[in-house]
Amino acid sequence: MQKWTKLQGLPTRIAFVLFDRFSNLCLANCLEPLRAANMVSRASVFDWHIYTMTGGAACSSSGMQVLPHDALAGLERCDYLFVLASYDHERHDMPRTRQALRTAAKKARTLVGMDTGPWLMASAGLLAGRRATLHWDLQDAFAERFLDVETERTRLTRDGPVITCAGAMSALDLMMELIAQHAGMAARLDVEDQFMHGSDTAPNAPQPDALVRGALAQMRAHVERPLPLGAIARRMGCQPRTLDRHFRRALGAPPGTVYRHMRLSEARKLLDSTQLGIAEIAVRCGYESPAALARAMRVRYGAAPTSLRSTGR
């Protein structure tokens, strides 16, 4: 069963090691969800640093340069180490790269290979005896080269403390999974709303079932005039108790809690991004009065809407 919310402790530490001609889309699909998760959680749930082999800038396949925080040799302990390579993976596959990755891997709880990053990991001996995936264009060559790795044609593969991803879209799937794991399903839903993501997640990643997805779509479509939960259940062709059971199993919360969360998240976005008055925001988010919205926001955010607006800006 998923957890709706998670108590926040120390940030989850993530390290990204970039190799020249990496996919900028792949990197963005990792970093932007992490940024959004911190924003919607109003806390530093994730902390990340970027590394390169030398400490110099890495150049993406589209020609964009990224300045790292440090050379890979300066990596300290982290929860996740992401190895991100795309083109020219064979040029990067050299003895010093293998040794550097082996040393860095000892400092990470979980290794993540993205795009052609699994090739470099396998060459360093970090995937021996494990299942793995990588960019599908390289699957045959990878299987022939690394006989000690079981190659899978999947978007995302988990094998113990090792995760491998086939490309940019699977990177986004993985980040949603990590957000749910470390910040809770409430944060994941908020981030999915920002990225219009969630209807086509990875087949082996935790995800709401069809009934829950349909009910969430009804809730999103009826924020201003909320539907009774019984009406949502009827539209989904089930009993309210069935809907409740599915929501608790998939999201870790009953449908009423989820619906209220979505409406308050929308209210917070309107506070932060528009000049609308509190009364207008209350109407747009399905509250009968500004006072009712203020009470609900105090319960969730610990402050009145006017205070939240000034703090957010």
Protein backbone atom coordinates (compact mmCIF):
# COMPACT_ATOMS: atom_id res chain seq x y z
CA MET A 1 0.00 0.00 0.00
CA GLN A 2 1.26 3.47 -0.88
CA LYS A 3 1.81 6.21 1.71
CA TRP A 4 -0.23 9.37 1.15
CA THR A 5 2.25 11.58 3.02
CA LYS A 6 5.72 11.03 4.47
CA LEU A 7 7.34 12.63 7.49
CA GLN A 8 10.28 14.68 6.24
CA GLY A 9 13.71 14.09 7.71
CA LEU A 10 17.03 14.73 6.02
CA PRO A 11 16.89 15.35 2.26
CA THR A 12 17.39 12.40 -0.08
CA ARG A 13 20.85 12.96 -1.57
CA ILE A 14 21.19 12.41 -5.32
CA ALA A 15 24.38 12.64 -7.40
CA PHE A 16 24.37 12.91 -11.19
CA VAL A 17 27.55 12.12 -13.12
CA LEU A 18 27.36 13.47 -16.68
CA PHE A 19 29.35 12.35 -19.69
CA ASP A 20 29.76 14.53 -22.77
CA ARG A 21 26.94 14.31 -25.30
CA PHE A 22 24.47 13.27 -22.60
CA SER A 23 20.76 13.75 -23.27
CA ASN A 24 19.60 17.10 -21.95
CA LEU A 25 15.99 15.86 -22.05
CA CYS A 26 16.95 12.93 -19.84
CA LEU A 27 18.63 15.24 -17.32
CA ALA A 28 15.73 17.70 -17.34
CA ASN A 29 13.24 14.87 -16.77
CA CYS A 30 15.19 14.06 -13.61
CA LEU A 31 15.86 17.53 -12.24
CA GLU A 32 12.57 19.29 -12.91
CA PRO A 33 10.41 16.74 -11.04
CA LEU A 34 12.82 16.93 -8.07
CA ARG A 35 12.55 20.73 -8.05
CA ALA A 36 8.77 20.50 -8.31
CA ALA A 37 8.62 17.94 -5.48
CA ASN A 38 10.52 20.29 -3.18
CA MET A 39 8.23 23.14 -4.21
CA VAL A 40 4.92 21.34 -3.62
CA SER A 41 6.22 19.81 -0.38
CA ARG A 42 7.45 23.21 0.83
CA ALA A 43 10.55 21.38 2.05
CA SER A 44 13.94 20.15 0.84
CA VAL A 45 12.87 16.57 0.21
CA PHE A 46 15.63 16.11 -2.38
CA ASP A 47 19.13 17.53 -2.60
CA TRP A 48 21.18 17.00 -5.75
CA HIS A 49 24.66 17.68 -7.09
CA ILE A 50 26.14 17.28 -10.56
CA TYR A 51 29.55 15.76 -11.24
CA THR A 52 31.78 15.13 -14.23
CA MET A 53 34.92 13.05 -14.51
CA THR A 54 37.24 16.07 -14.46
CA GLY A 55 35.12 18.74 -12.77
CA GLY A 56 34.90 20.64 -16.05
CA ALA A 57 31.71 21.46 -17.91
CA ALA A 58 29.80 18.68 -19.65
CA CYS A 59 28.36 19.35 -23.09
CA SER A 60 24.99 17.83 -23.96
CA SER A 61 24.14 16.28 -27.32
CA SER A 62 22.35 19.53 -28.19
CA GLY A 63 25.44 21.63 -27.41
CA MET A 64 24.33 22.99 -24.04
CA GLN A 65 27.06 23.16 -21.40
CA VAL A 66 26.40 22.24 -17.78
CA LEU A 67 28.78 23.30 -15.03
CA PRO A 68 29.13 20.59 -12.35
CA HIS A 69 29.48 21.10 -8.63
CA ASP A 70 32.64 18.98 -8.50
CA ALA A 71 34.71 16.24 -10.10
CA LEU A 72 33.47 12.70 -9.50
CA ALA A 73 36.46 12.06 -7.24
CA GLY A 74 34.96 14.58 -4.81
CA LEU A 75 31.70 12.64 -4.43
CA GLU A 76 30.62 12.07 -0.84
CA ARG A 77 28.03 9.61 0.45
CA CYS A 78 24.72 9.74 -1.39
CA ASP A 79 21.45 7.85 -1.58
CA TYR A 80 21.37 7.63 -5.38
CA LEU A 81 24.14 7.85 -7.96
CA PHE A 82 22.83 8.49 -11.49
CA VAL A 83 25.15 7.66 -14.38
CA LEU A 84 23.97 9.63 -17.41
CA ALA A 85 25.52 9.04 -20.83
CA SER A 86 23.97 9.03 -24.29
CA TYR A 87 26.13 9.36 -27.38
CA ASP A 88 29.84 8.42 -27.58
CA HIS A 89 29.49 5.86 -24.80
CA GLU A 90 32.27 3.73 -26.29
CA ARG A 91 34.65 6.71 -26.27
CA HIS A 92 33.92 7.21 -22.58
CA ASP A 93 34.43 3.51 -21.84
CA MET A 94 38.06 3.54 -20.73
CA PRO A 95 39.99 2.22 -17.70
CA ARG A 96 39.91 5.46 -15.71
CA THR A 97 36.15 5.73 -16.20
CA ARG A 98 35.61 2.18 -14.98
CA GLN A 99 37.76 2.72 -11.91
CA ALA A 100 36.08 6.04 -11.11
CA LEU A 101 32.61 4.48 -11.35
CA ARG A 102 33.61 1.54 -9.15
CA THR A 103 34.93 3.93 -6.50
CA ALA A 104 31.87 6.18 -6.70
CA ALA A 105 29.48 3.20 -6.54
CA LYS A 106 30.80 2.32 -3.08
CA LYS A 107 29.52 5.67 -1.81
CA ALA A 108 25.95 5.22 -3.03
CA ARG A 109 23.07 3.18 -1.67
CA THR A 110 21.44 2.83 -5.09
CA LEU A 111 22.96 3.01 -8.58
CA VAL A 112 20.93 4.33 -11.49
CA GLY A 113 21.97 4.01 -15.13
CA MET A 114 20.21 6.15 -17.72
CA ASP A 115 20.16 5.91 -21.51
CA THR A 116 23.62 4.45 -22.32
CA GLY A 117 24.85 4.89 -18.75
CA PRO A 118 24.22 1.16 -18.08
CA TRP A 119 26.87 0.36 -20.72
CA LEU A 120 29.52 2.18 -18.69
CA MET A 121 28.25 0.57 -15.49
CA ALA A 122 28.40 -2.90 -17.01
CA SER A 123 31.91 -2.28 -18.31
CA ALA A 124 32.92 -1.32 -14.76
CA GLY A 125 31.51 -4.63 -13.48
CA LEU A 126 28.65 -2.98 -11.62
CA LEU A 127 25.89 -4.96 -13.36
CA ALA A 128 27.40 -8.44 -13.24
CA GLY A 129 24.76 -11.08 -12.51
CA ARG A 130 21.93 -8.53 -12.66
CA ARG A 131 19.03 -7.69 -14.94
CA ALA A 132 19.31 -4.39 -16.78
CA THR A 133 17.95 -2.29 -19.61
CA LEU A 134 19.37 0.63 -21.61
CA HIS A 135 18.55 2.58 -24.77
CA TRP A 136 16.88 0.04 -27.05
CA ASP A 137 19.09 0.90 -30.03
CA LEU A 138 21.99 -0.69 -28.12
CA GLN A 139 20.22 -3.70 -26.67
CA ASP A 140 21.66 -6.29 -29.09
CA ALA A 141 25.21 -4.96 -28.90
CA PHE A 142 24.95 -4.73 -25.12
CA ALA A 143 23.75 -8.34 -24.80
CA GLU A 144 26.58 -9.59 -27.00
CA ARG A 145 29.22 -7.58 -25.13
CA PHE A 146 28.13 -8.22 -21.54
CA LEU A 147 27.27 -11.88 -21.22
CA ASP A 148 27.10 -11.64 -17.41
CA VAL A 149 24.14 -9.21 -17.57
CA GLU A 150 20.57 -10.29 -18.33
CA THR A 151 19.35 -7.70 -20.82
CA GLU A 152 15.66 -6.77 -20.70
CA ARG A 153 13.69 -4.79 -23.27
CA THR A 154 11.85 -2.68 -20.71
CA ARG A 155 11.67 1.03 -20.01
CA LEU A 156 12.70 0.60 -16.39
CA THR A 157 14.36 -2.32 -14.60
CA ARG A 158 15.02 -2.72 -10.87
CA ASP A 159 17.37 -5.38 -9.55
CA GLY A 160 18.25 -4.92 -5.90
CA PRO A 161 20.16 -1.65 -5.36
CA VAL A 162 20.48 -1.07 -9.12
CA ILE A 163 18.00 0.71 -11.40
CA THR A 164 18.42 1.07 -15.15
CA CYS A 165 16.34 3.22 -17.51
CA ALA A 166 16.02 3.10 -21.29
CA GLY A 167 15.77 6.84 -21.90
CA ALA A 168 14.19 10.20 -21.17
CA MET A 169 10.57 9.10 -20.79
CA SER A 170 11.49 6.29 -18.41
CA ALA A 171 13.55 8.84 -16.46
CA LEU A 172 10.35 10.78 -15.81
CA ASP A 173 8.59 7.58 -14.76
CA LEU A 174 11.38 6.82 -12.31
CA MET A 175 11.34 10.27 -10.76
CA MET A 176 7.61 10.00 -10.11
CA GLU A 177 8.26 6.70 -8.39
CA LEU A 178 11.03 8.21 -6.24
CA ILE A 179 8.82 11.17 -5.33
CA ALA A 180 6.09 8.79 -4.13
CA GLN A 181 8.66 6.77 -2.20
CA HIS A 182 10.34 9.69 -0.44
CA ALA A 183 7.67 12.42 -0.36
CA GLY A 184 4.39 10.47 -0.55
CA MET A 185 1.63 10.02 -3.09
CA ALA A 186 0.18 13.47 -2.37
CA ALA A 187 3.39 15.10 -3.61
CA ARG A 188 3.50 12.76 -6.60
CA LEU A 189 -0.03 13.73 -7.65
CA ASP A 190 0.84 17.43 -7.39
CA VAL A 191 3.97 16.98 -9.50
CA GLU A 192 2.11 14.85 -12.05
CA ASP A 193 -0.44 17.64 -12.40
CA GLN A 194 2.35 20.10 -13.19
CA PHE A 195 3.87 17.82 -15.83
CA MET A 196 0.58 16.43 -17.20
CA HIS A 197 2.03 13.02 -16.43
CA GLY A 198 0.50 9.89 -14.96
CA SER A 199 -1.78 8.33 -17.55
CA ASP A 200 0.96 6.24 -19.12
CA THR A 201 3.50 5.31 -16.48
CA ALA A 202 6.05 2.52 -16.66
CA PRO A 203 4.42 -0.91 -16.55
CA ASN A 204 6.53 -2.10 -13.61
CA ALA A 205 6.25 1.11 -11.57
CA PRO A 206 3.67 1.55 -8.79
CA GLN A 207 0.62 3.24 -10.27
CA PRO A 208 -3.07 3.75 -9.56
CA ASP A 209 -5.44 1.26 -11.18
CA ALA A 210 -7.90 2.18 -13.92
CA LEU A 211 -10.71 2.92 -11.50
CA VAL A 212 -8.55 5.32 -9.48
CA ARG A 213 -7.19 7.01 -12.61
CA GLY A 214 -10.72 7.55 -13.87
CA ALA A 215 -11.89 8.94 -10.54
CA LEU A 216 -8.89 11.29 -10.38
CA ALA A 217 -9.78 12.57 -13.85
CA GLN A 218 -13.33 13.30 -12.63
CA MET A 219 -11.95 15.15 -9.62
CA ARG A 220 -9.58 17.25 -11.74
CA ALA A 221 -12.44 18.13 -14.10
CA HIS A 222 -14.69 19.21 -11.23
CA VAL A 223 -12.58 21.36 -8.93
CA GLU A 224 -14.82 24.44 -9.10
CA ARG A 225 -18.01 22.45 -8.56
CA PRO A 226 -16.97 19.33 -6.63
CA LEU A 227 -18.94 16.19 -7.26
CA PRO A 228 -20.25 14.14 -4.32
CA LEU A 229 -18.15 11.02 -3.88
CA GLY A 230 -21.24 8.92 -4.51
CA ALA A 231 -21.64 10.59 -7.91
CA ILE A 232 -18.01 9.88 -8.77
CA ALA A 233 -18.47 6.24 -7.79
CA ARG A 234 -21.57 5.98 -9.99
CA ARG A 235 -19.69 7.49 -12.94
CA MET A 236 -17.01 4.86 -12.42
CA GLY A 237 -19.62 2.10 -12.21
CA CYS A 238 -18.86 1.03 -8.65
CA GLN A 239 -20.04 1.39 -5.07
CA PRO A 240 -18.56 4.16 -2.85
CA ARG A 241 -16.95 1.56 -0.58
CA THR A 242 -15.24 0.00 -3.62
CA LEU A 243 -13.90 3.39 -4.64
CA ASP A 244 -12.68 3.97 -1.10
CA ARG A 245 -10.89 0.62 -1.01
CA HIS A 246 -9.12 1.25 -4.31
CA PHE A 247 -7.99 4.74 -3.28
CA ARG A 248 -6.60 3.53 0.04
CA ARG A 249 -4.69 0.74 -1.66
CA ALA A 250 -3.34 2.83 -4.56
CA LEU A 251 -2.77 6.21 -2.91
CA GLY A 252 -2.78 5.55 0.82
CA ALA A 253 -5.75 7.86 1.46
CA PRO A 254 -9.56 7.82 1.03
CA PRO A 255 -11.05 9.64 -1.97
CA GLY A 256 -12.35 12.55 0.12
CA THR A 257 -8.86 13.32 1.40
CA VAL A 258 -7.44 13.16 -2.12
CA TYR A 259 -10.18 15.38 -3.58
CA ARG A 260 -9.71 18.00 -0.86
CA HIS A 261 -5.94 17.90 -1.40
CA MET A 262 -6.34 18.56 -5.13
CA ARG A 263 -8.64 21.53 -4.54
CA LEU A 264 -6.32 23.06 -1.96
CA SER A 265 -3.30 22.51 -4.20
CA GLU A 266 -5.12 24.41 -6.94
CA ALA A 267 -5.94 27.19 -4.48
CA ARG A 268 -2.27 27.44 -3.47
CA LYS A 269 -1.19 27.66 -7.12
CA LEU A 270 -3.70 30.46 -7.73
CA LEU A 271 -2.42 32.30 -4.67
CA ASP A 272 1.16 32.06 -5.88
CA SER A 273 0.65 32.76 -9.57
CA THR A 274 -2.29 35.17 -9.90
CA GLN A 275 -3.69 38.39 -8.46
CA LEU A 276 -7.14 36.86 -7.94
CA GLY A 277 -8.88 37.78 -4.73
CA ILE A 278 -9.40 35.20 -2.00
CA ALA A 279 -13.15 35.15 -2.65
CA GLU A 280 -12.61 34.36 -6.35
CA ILE A 281 -10.09 31.64 -5.53
CA ALA A 282 -12.54 30.10 -3.07
CA VAL A 283 -15.18 29.92 -5.80
CA ARG A 284 -12.76 28.44 -8.34
CA CYS A 285 -11.72 25.72 -5.90
CA GLY A 286 -15.18 24.69 -4.77
CA TYR A 287 -15.44 26.43 -1.38
CA GLU A 288 -18.65 28.14 -0.40
CA SER A 289 -16.92 31.15 1.13
CA PRO A 290 -13.48 32.72 1.68
CA ALA A 291 -13.79 31.76 5.35
CA ALA A 292 -14.25 28.08 4.45
CA LEU A 293 -11.18 28.19 2.22
CA ALA A 294 -9.17 29.94 4.92
CA ARG A 295 -10.10 27.29 7.49
CA ALA A 296 -9.08 24.48 5.13
CA MET A 297 -5.79 26.16 4.24
CA ARG A 298 -4.93 26.73 7.89
CA VAL A 299 -5.40 23.02 8.52
CA ARG A 300 -3.19 22.00 5.60
CA TYR A 301 -0.60 24.80 5.46
CA GLY A 302 -0.74 26.24 8.95
CA ALA A 303 -1.47 29.77 7.74
CA ALA A 304 -4.22 31.93 6.27
CA PRO A 305 -4.37 32.49 2.48
CA THR A 306 -3.18 36.11 2.73
CA SER A 307 -0.11 35.02 4.72
CA LEU A 308 0.63 32.22 2.29
CA ARG A 309 0.39 34.63 -0.65
CA SER A 310 2.87 37.10 0.84
CA THR A 311 5.24 34.28 1.86
CA GLY A 312 5.06 32.62 -1.56
CA ARG A 313 6.00 35.86 -3.32
